[in-house]
Protein backbone atom coordinates (compact mmCIF):
# COMPACT_ATOMS: atom_id res chain seq x y z
CA MET A 1 114.86 100.56 145.87
CA GLN A 2 111.09 99.38 145.36
CA TYR A 3 108.23 101.29 145.79
CA MET A 4 105.81 99.72 148.18
CA SER A 5 102.93 100.89 148.33
CA PRO A 6 100.70 100.77 151.81
CA PHE A 7 98.15 98.89 149.95
CA ALA A 8 100.31 96.04 150.09
CA TYR A 9 101.18 95.75 153.23
CA PHE A 10 96.91 95.98 154.69
CA GLY A 11 95.56 94.10 151.30
CA GLU A 12 92.72 96.03 151.07
CA THR A 13 91.82 99.29 150.10
CA LEU A 14 92.58 102.44 152.23
CA PRO A 15 90.79 105.95 152.68
CA ALA A 16 92.86 108.52 151.38
CA PRO A 17 94.17 110.30 152.88
CA LEU A 18 95.67 107.07 154.73
CA ASP A 19 94.11 107.29 158.65
CA LYS A 20 96.93 106.39 161.40
CA LYS A 21 94.70 103.90 163.52
CA ALA A 22 94.53 102.00 160.73
CA ILE A 23 98.16 102.37 159.80
CA GLN A 24 98.82 101.14 163.29
CA LEU A 25 95.66 98.34 163.70
CA ALA A 26 97.68 96.65 160.19
CA ARG A 27 100.75 96.60 161.52
CA LYS A 28 99.68 94.84 164.22
CA LYS A 29 97.71 92.17 162.04
CA LEU A 30 101.52 92.00 160.27
CA PHE A 31 103.25 91.00 163.26
CA ALA A 32 100.24 88.42 163.93
CA GLU A 33 100.82 86.54 160.29
CA LEU A 34 104.83 86.63 161.04
CA GLU A 35 103.84 84.40 163.99
CA LEU A 36 102.15 82.67 162.81
CA SER A 37 103.73 81.33 159.85
CA GLY A 38 106.54 80.55 161.95
CA GLU A 39 108.90 82.05 159.38
CA MET A 40 110.88 84.66 159.89
CA THR A 41 110.15 86.46 156.87
CA ILE A 42 106.77 87.46 155.68
CA GLU A 43 106.64 87.96 151.14
CA LEU A 44 104.74 90.70 149.93
CA GLN A 45 104.53 91.45 146.11
CA GLY A 46 107.68 88.91 145.99
CA LYS A 47 109.66 90.54 148.30
CA GLN A 48 110.31 88.37 151.58
CA LEU A 49 110.07 90.98 154.48
CA SER A 50 111.41 90.21 158.42
CA ARG A 51 109.53 91.85 161.66
CA ASN A 52 112.36 94.67 161.38
CA ASP A 53 111.66 95.56 157.62
CA ILE A 54 108.04 95.63 158.48
CA ILE A 55 108.68 97.79 161.52
CA GLN A 56 110.82 100.13 159.49
CA TYR A 57 108.92 100.85 157.09
CA PHE A 58 105.42 101.31 159.63
CA ASP A 59 107.84 104.02 161.55
CA THR A 60 108.31 106.10 158.18
CA LEU A 61 104.88 106.02 157.25
CA LEU A 62 103.51 107.60 160.21
CA LYS A 63 105.41 110.79 159.87
CA GLU A 64 103.00 113.78 158.19
CA ASP A 65 105.15 114.35 154.77
CA VAL A 66 105.54 110.77 153.85
CA LEU A 67 101.76 109.62 154.47
CA SER A 68 100.49 112.02 152.37
CA TYR A 69 103.43 111.42 149.51
CA HIS A 70 102.25 108.14 149.93
CA SER A 71 98.06 109.36 149.50
CA ALA A 72 98.98 111.21 146.72
CA ILE A 73 101.28 108.12 144.88
CA GLY A 74 97.75 106.10 145.49
CA ALA A 75 95.44 109.14 143.75
CA ASP A 76 97.57 107.96 140.92
CA ALA A 77 97.10 105.56 138.83
CA VAL A 78 100.00 105.29 136.56
CA LEU A 79 102.86 106.90 138.65
CA LEU A 80 101.54 104.36 141.39
CA ASN A 81 101.98 101.25 138.54
CA PHE A 82 104.88 102.81 137.18
CA LEU A 83 106.76 102.57 141.14
CA GLU A 84 105.38 99.54 141.65
CA GLN A 85 106.14 97.66 138.21
CA ALA A 86 108.00 99.55 136.36
CA ILE A 87 105.33 99.53 133.37
CA ILE A 88 103.66 102.73 131.56
CA GLY A 89 101.48 102.66 128.96
CA PRO A 90 100.85 104.57 125.49
CA LYS A 91 99.83 107.54 126.46
CA GLU A 92 100.01 107.54 130.26
CA MET A 93 100.16 110.30 131.78
CA PHE A 94 100.87 111.50 134.97
CA LEU A 95 98.51 113.60 136.76
CA ASP A 96 99.34 117.11 137.19
CA ASN A 97 99.90 117.87 140.98
CA PRO A 98 101.21 120.49 142.65
CA LEU A 99 102.86 118.30 145.49
CA TYR A 100 105.18 117.21 142.74
CA GLU A 101 106.95 120.30 142.09
CA ASP A 102 107.74 120.55 146.19
CA GLU A 103 112.08 119.83 145.83
CA ARG A 104 111.64 117.27 149.42
CA PHE A 105 108.60 114.58 147.87
CA ILE A 106 110.93 114.83 144.81
CA GLN A 107 113.70 114.00 147.47
CA TRP A 108 111.93 111.37 148.94
CA VAL A 109 110.21 109.75 145.63
CA SER A 110 113.74 110.02 144.02
CA PRO A 111 115.06 106.73 145.16
CA TYR A 112 111.75 105.12 144.05
CA PHE A 113 111.52 105.95 140.61
CA CYS A 114 115.39 106.05 139.52
CA HIS A 115 114.80 101.91 140.31
CA SER A 116 111.65 101.76 137.63
CA PHE A 117 113.59 103.90 135.85
CA LEU A 118 116.38 101.62 135.53
CA ALA A 119 113.96 98.55 134.98
CA PHE A 120 111.98 99.69 132.74
CA MET A 121 115.22 100.76 130.36
CA THR A 122 117.06 97.21 131.09
CA ASN A 123 113.75 95.32 129.78
CA CYS A 124 113.19 97.76 126.68
CA PHE A 125 116.42 97.68 125.46
CA LEU A 126 117.48 93.88 126.31
CA VAL A 127 114.45 92.10 126.46
CA GLU A 128 111.11 93.46 125.14
CA PRO A 129 111.58 97.01 123.05
CA ASP A 130 108.72 98.96 124.01
CA GLU A 131 108.92 101.93 122.17
CA ASP A 132 105.39 103.04 123.29
CA GLY A 133 106.05 102.88 127.06
CA LEU A 134 109.41 104.79 125.94
CA VAL A 135 107.54 107.94 124.32
CA SER A 136 105.54 107.74 127.17
CA LEU A 137 107.82 107.56 129.65
CA LEU A 138 109.78 110.06 128.14
CA ALA A 139 107.60 112.35 128.00
CA ASN A 140 106.66 112.46 131.55
CA LYS A 141 107.99 114.32 134.48
CA HIS A 142 111.14 112.25 136.16
CA PHE A 143 110.63 112.79 139.93
CA MET A 144 114.72 112.08 139.97
CA THR A 145 117.07 113.97 141.88
CA ALA A 146 120.48 115.31 139.68
CA ALA A 147 122.28 112.02 140.93
CA ASP A 148 119.87 109.62 140.85
CA ALA A 149 119.06 111.28 137.19
CA ARG A 150 123.37 110.94 136.34
CA LYS A 151 122.84 107.10 137.41
CA ALA A 152 119.98 105.89 135.33
CA TRP A 153 121.07 107.52 132.50
CA ASP A 154 124.39 106.30 132.37
CA ALA A 155 123.09 103.03 133.12
CA VAL A 156 121.66 103.63 129.29
CA VAL A 157 124.55 104.45 127.88
CA ARG A 158 126.79 101.68 129.53
CA ILE A 159 124.13 98.94 128.01
CA LEU A 160 124.53 101.35 124.26
CA MET A 161 128.29 101.27 124.46
CA ASP A 162 128.25 97.88 125.39
CA ASP A 163 126.04 96.82 121.70
CA ILE A 164 128.47 99.22 120.00
CA ALA A 165 131.39 96.65 121.18
CA THR A 166 129.33 93.77 119.80
CA LEU A 167 129.28 95.41 116.66
CA ASP A 168 133.27 96.32 116.98
CA GLN A 169 133.93 92.94 117.74
CA TYR A 170 131.95 91.72 114.59
CA HIS A 171 134.20 94.09 112.61
CA GLN A 172 137.55 92.98 113.91
CA GLN A 173 136.54 89.79 113.58
CA ALA A 174 136.02 90.10 110.01
CA LYS A 175 139.19 92.29 109.68
CA ASN A 176 141.40 89.55 110.57
CA ASN A 177 139.58 87.02 108.27
CA LYS A 178 138.26 85.24 110.71
CA ALA A 179 134.75 83.92 110.47
CA ALA A 180 131.94 85.90 112.42
CA SER A 181 128.55 85.11 112.91
CA LEU A 182 125.96 88.12 112.34
CA ALA A 183 123.28 86.86 115.45
CA PRO A 184 124.82 88.59 117.55
CA ILE A 185 124.30 92.13 115.92
CA GLU A 186 121.32 91.29 113.52
CA TYR A 187 119.25 92.68 116.39
CA LEU A 188 121.38 95.34 117.11
CA MET A 189 120.91 96.82 114.04
CA GLU A 190 117.12 96.17 112.80
CA PHE A 191 114.77 99.47 113.01
CA ARG A 192 113.03 99.32 116.20
CA TYR A 193 115.80 98.78 118.17
CA ILE A 194 117.39 101.81 116.34
CA ARG A 195 114.27 103.47 116.75
CA LEU A 196 114.65 103.09 120.50
CA ILE A 197 118.21 105.22 120.22
CA GLN A 198 116.20 107.72 118.36
CA LEU A 199 114.29 108.48 121.08
CA LEU A 200 116.78 109.23 123.61
CA PRO A 201 117.28 112.54 124.50
CA GLU A 202 119.63 113.70 121.71
CA ASP A 203 121.60 116.07 124.23
CA ARG A 204 122.68 113.18 126.15
CA PHE A 205 123.14 110.62 123.75
CA ALA A 206 124.34 112.47 120.25
CA SER A 207 127.83 111.37 120.06
CA ILE A 208 126.23 107.33 121.02
CA SER A 209 124.34 107.96 118.09
CA ASP A 210 127.57 108.50 115.61
CA SER A 211 129.31 106.05 116.93
CA TYR A 212 126.83 103.40 117.00
CA ALA A 213 125.40 104.26 113.47
CA HIS A 214 129.59 104.27 113.04
CA SER A 215 129.92 101.03 114.07
CA MET A 216 126.87 99.49 112.10
CA LEU A 217 128.53 100.91 108.90
CA LEU A 218 131.99 98.86 109.29
CA ALA A 219 129.09 95.72 109.91
CA CYS A 220 127.53 96.43 107.21
CA ILE A 221 130.20 97.16 105.18
CA ASP A 222 131.73 93.55 106.11
CA THR A 223 128.03 91.79 105.96
CA PHE A 224 128.49 92.98 102.29
CA ASN A 225 131.83 91.72 101.57
CA ASN A 226 131.99 88.25 102.93
CA ASN A 227 127.95 87.60 103.48
CA ASN A 228 126.09 87.42 100.27
CA ASP A 229 122.93 86.13 101.26
CA HIS A 230 122.19 89.34 103.43
CA ARG A 231 123.57 91.71 101.03
CA ASP A 232 119.77 92.86 100.10
CA THR A 233 119.39 93.30 104.39
CA VAL A 234 122.49 95.59 104.38
CA ARG A 235 120.86 98.32 102.53
CA THR A 236 118.23 98.06 105.21
CA TRP A 237 120.96 98.35 107.70
CA LEU A 238 122.28 101.13 106.55
CA GLU A 239 119.18 103.20 106.28
CA ASN A 240 118.19 102.26 109.57
CA ALA A 241 122.26 103.86 110.37
CA GLU A 242 121.66 106.99 108.53
CA LEU A 243 118.40 107.65 110.41
CA LEU A 244 119.87 106.60 113.51
CA ALA A 245 122.92 109.15 112.75
CA VAL A 246 123.35 112.60 114.20
CA SER A 247 126.67 114.42 112.00
CA ALA A 248 125.98 115.66 109.12
CA GLU A 249 129.39 113.79 108.75
CA ILE A 250 128.60 110.63 109.36
CA LYS A 251 124.99 110.78 108.29
CA ALA A 252 126.96 111.26 104.54
CA GLY A 253 129.57 108.73 104.62
CA ILE A 254 126.43 106.61 104.83
CA HIS A 255 124.89 107.40 102.20
CA GLU A 256 127.79 107.77 99.88
CA ARG A 257 128.05 104.02 100.64
CA LEU A 258 124.41 103.87 99.40
CA SER A 259 124.79 105.77 96.14
CA GLU A 260 127.35 102.85 95.44
CA LEU A 261 124.98 100.21 96.41
CA ASP A 262 122.26 101.76 93.79
CA ALA A 263 125.21 102.20 91.55
CA MET A 264 125.63 98.25 91.86
CA ASP A 265 122.15 97.62 91.15
CA ALA A 266 121.38 99.66 88.41
CA PRO A 267 120.96 98.10 85.66
CA ALA A 268 123.39 98.75 82.06
CA PRO A 269 121.88 101.68 80.06
CA ALA A 270 121.46 100.15 76.25
CA LYS A 271 123.99 100.95 73.61
CA LYS A 272 121.85 103.18 71.34
CA SER A 273 122.43 102.08 67.45
CA GLU A 274 124.33 105.56 65.64
CA SER A 275 122.05 104.57 62.22
CA SER A 276 122.49 107.90 59.61
CA PRO A 277 119.32 109.09 57.86
CA LEU A 278 120.54 107.96 54.34
CA LYS A 279 121.35 104.59 55.93
CA PHE A 280 117.82 104.05 55.91
CA ILE A 281 116.33 105.67 52.72
CA ILE A 282 119.04 103.80 50.18
CA ILE A 283 117.62 100.13 52.93
CA ALA A 284 114.55 101.62 51.77
CA VAL A 285 114.91 102.47 48.01
CA ILE A 286 115.81 98.98 48.51
CA LEU A 287 113.29 96.74 49.61
CA VAL A 288 111.22 98.83 47.44
CA ILE A 289 112.98 98.46 44.77
CA ARG A 290 113.01 94.43 45.37
CA LEU A 291 109.50 94.39 46.16
CA ALA A 292 107.95 96.47 43.77
CA THR A 293 109.76 94.12 40.94
CA CYS A 294 110.00 91.05 41.87
CA LYS A 295 107.06 88.32 40.86
CA THR A 296 106.69 85.64 43.22
CA ASN A 297 107.65 82.47 42.35
CA SER A 298 107.95 79.37 44.53
CA SER A 299 110.80 77.61 42.73
CA THR A 300 113.98 76.76 44.21
CA THR A 301 115.86 76.17 40.89
CA TYR A 302 118.19 79.46 39.97
CA ASN A 303 120.22 79.62 37.00
CA HIS A 304 123.57 82.18 35.82
CA THR A 305 121.26 83.89 33.25
CA PRO A 306 120.10 87.84 33.58
CA VAL A 307 116.87 88.19 35.15
CA VAL A 308 115.13 90.93 33.29
CA PHE A 309 112.58 92.36 36.38
CA PRO A 310 109.36 94.61 34.84
CA GLN A 311 108.87 97.79 36.04
CA THR A 312 106.50 99.59 38.41
CA THR A 313 103.97 101.60 36.98
CA PRO A 314 104.23 105.14 37.16
CA TRP A 315 101.41 105.25 40.10
CA ASN A 316 103.61 103.33 42.23
CA GLN A 317 106.80 105.12 41.73
CA GLN A 318 104.74 108.46 42.57
CA ARG A 319 103.25 106.84 45.79
CA VAL A 320 106.63 105.33 46.59
CA LEU A 321 108.48 108.52 46.26
CA ASP A 322 105.50 110.82 48.05
CA SER A 323 105.60 108.33 50.50
CA LEU A 324 109.91 109.04 50.78
CA LYS A 325 109.28 112.84 51.13
CA MET A 326 106.49 112.55 54.29
CA LYS A 327 109.18 110.77 55.91
CA TYR A 328 112.38 112.52 55.02
CA PRO A 329 111.24 116.25 53.65
CA HIS A 330 114.72 117.32 54.04
CA MET A 331 116.06 115.44 51.05
CA ASP A 332 116.66 115.93 47.82
CA TRP A 333 113.86 113.25 46.49
CA GLU A 334 113.95 115.54 43.22
CA THR A 335 117.12 114.02 42.41
CA ILE A 336 116.88 110.39 43.74
CA HIS A 337 113.85 110.09 40.96
CA LYS A 338 115.74 111.87 38.18
CA ASN A 339 118.60 109.25 39.13
CA ARG A 340 116.52 106.32 40.04
CA ARG A 341 117.53 104.03 37.01
CA ASP A 342 121.07 104.47 37.28
CA MET A 343 120.57 103.16 41.13
CA ASP A 344 117.85 100.93 39.39
CA SER A 345 120.52 99.49 37.46
CA ALA A 346 123.16 98.70 40.29
CA ASN A 347 120.97 97.66 42.70
CA LEU A 348 120.12 94.29 39.97
CA ARG A 349 123.82 94.01 39.20
CA ILE A 350 124.14 93.08 43.44
CA LEU A 351 121.84 90.87 43.50
CA ASP A 352 122.67 89.36 40.15
CA THR A 353 125.80 89.12 41.86
CA ALA A 354 124.59 87.44 44.91
CA ARG A 355 122.82 84.80 43.14
């Protein structure tokens, strides 16, 4: 039942509280317009009203309590806009009016509030996400009876259950090796949509959130296995599912899959070459001997005559020895130096053989 303020009938600003005499005059004016139009109905705020609708509305309006209820709503711009348009802006709050605690007022306004609540939720979840509006609505008092509140929330449950069914259908098609389109489910796993579900009262939607997150997990696995173009997107969807999940068990299952993705994406560890200090020392000694004993020669002609290499000067020998002592202090360099000539002879034989 959509709320219509007396302002819509009067078409002009009315004094507050509403005056009964002014209301009666406004009714006569509407009847005159209806007769002049020659139609059976007259349109007000997109709604067609017959003569009987006008009579019933004004008869109700003239009741003392109802008149005061309309006056209170008319003085509350946020509540009036929500009841008429099913719209509420960021951080907007209804006025703090003692009348809003009156059970008779709640009984009267409940059908109107429930209608706007359903319209807002349907638009928010099925047409255009409105996170700011949803935050504002949930922060305000809901003027609904228990029966109307159950009716309103059940409608939201049905929307989410349809979403879960869509995700499960995608999983079943993939399981049966059928080509499944991502188009119907991509929006359902985006963060802005998951954020809307997160905002819903946990006491009513915890189990549904877990079911939704689990269906997302299955859809992500199917997409990862069957659609290479969306593998990067799968990680984002899994992260959204982990945010949505409520129970520790569902969160752990999703986190495990994320860890598996991390392991797959991690680069293979580079193998470290294991070389003993002695190997480096031997190579260094050979290089030092070659550099210290070789003469620059541009000739490319080789013969089999043994080459005699001049000895290095004592100063060069001592400098090399001191350098090696500093780099490898744990080695017995005195012994190595003592046997250097034997090592020189051995390396010269090796070089000669190589030639």
